[in-house]
Amino acid sequence: MEKYIICVFFFLIVFLCEFS
């Protein structure tokens, strides 16, 4: 479960970086 949360968080950061 922890790995899933970290993965989602990392994906969110990358998505925000690309969106900016």
C-alpha atoms as a PDB file:
ATOM      1  CA  MET A   1       0.000   0.000   0.000  1.00  0.00           C
ATOM      2  CA  GLU A   2       2.777   2.413   0.816  1.00  0.00           C
ATOM      3  CA  LYS A   3       4.436   1.833  -2.545  1.00  0.00           C
ATOM      4  CA  TYR A   4       1.140   2.605  -4.254  1.00  0.00           C
ATOM      5  CA  ILE A   5       0.804   5.934  -2.454  1.00  0.00           C
ATOM      6  CA  ILE A   6       4.389   6.905  -3.299  1.00  0.00           C
ATOM      7  CA  CYS A   7       3.845   5.934  -6.926  1.00  0.00           C
ATOM      8  CA  VAL A   8       0.693   8.019  -7.173  1.00  0.00           C
ATOM      9  CA  PHE A   9       2.399  10.970  -5.472  1.00  0.00           C
ATOM     10  CA  PHE A  10       5.376  10.769  -7.834  1.00  0.00           C
ATOM     11  CA  PHE A  11       3.071  10.514 -10.855  1.00  0.00           C
ATOM     12  CA  LEU A  12       1.157  13.567  -9.645  1.00  0.00           C
ATOM     13  CA  ILE A  13       4.376  15.594  -9.360  1.00  0.00           C
ATOM     14  CA  VAL A  14       5.463  14.595 -12.867  1.00  0.00           C
ATOM     15  CA  PHE A  15       2.017  15.431 -14.214  1.00  0.00           C
ATOM     16  CA  LEU A  16       2.046  18.855 -12.560  1.00  0.00           C
ATOM     17  CA  CYS A  17       5.548  19.496 -13.873  1.00  0.00           C
ATOM     18  CA  GLU A  18       4.458  18.704 -17.424  1.00  0.00           C
ATOM     19  CA  PHE A  19       1.226  20.659 -17.087  1.00  0.00           C
ATOM     20  CA  SER A  20       2.978  23.794 -15.803  1.00  0.00           C
END
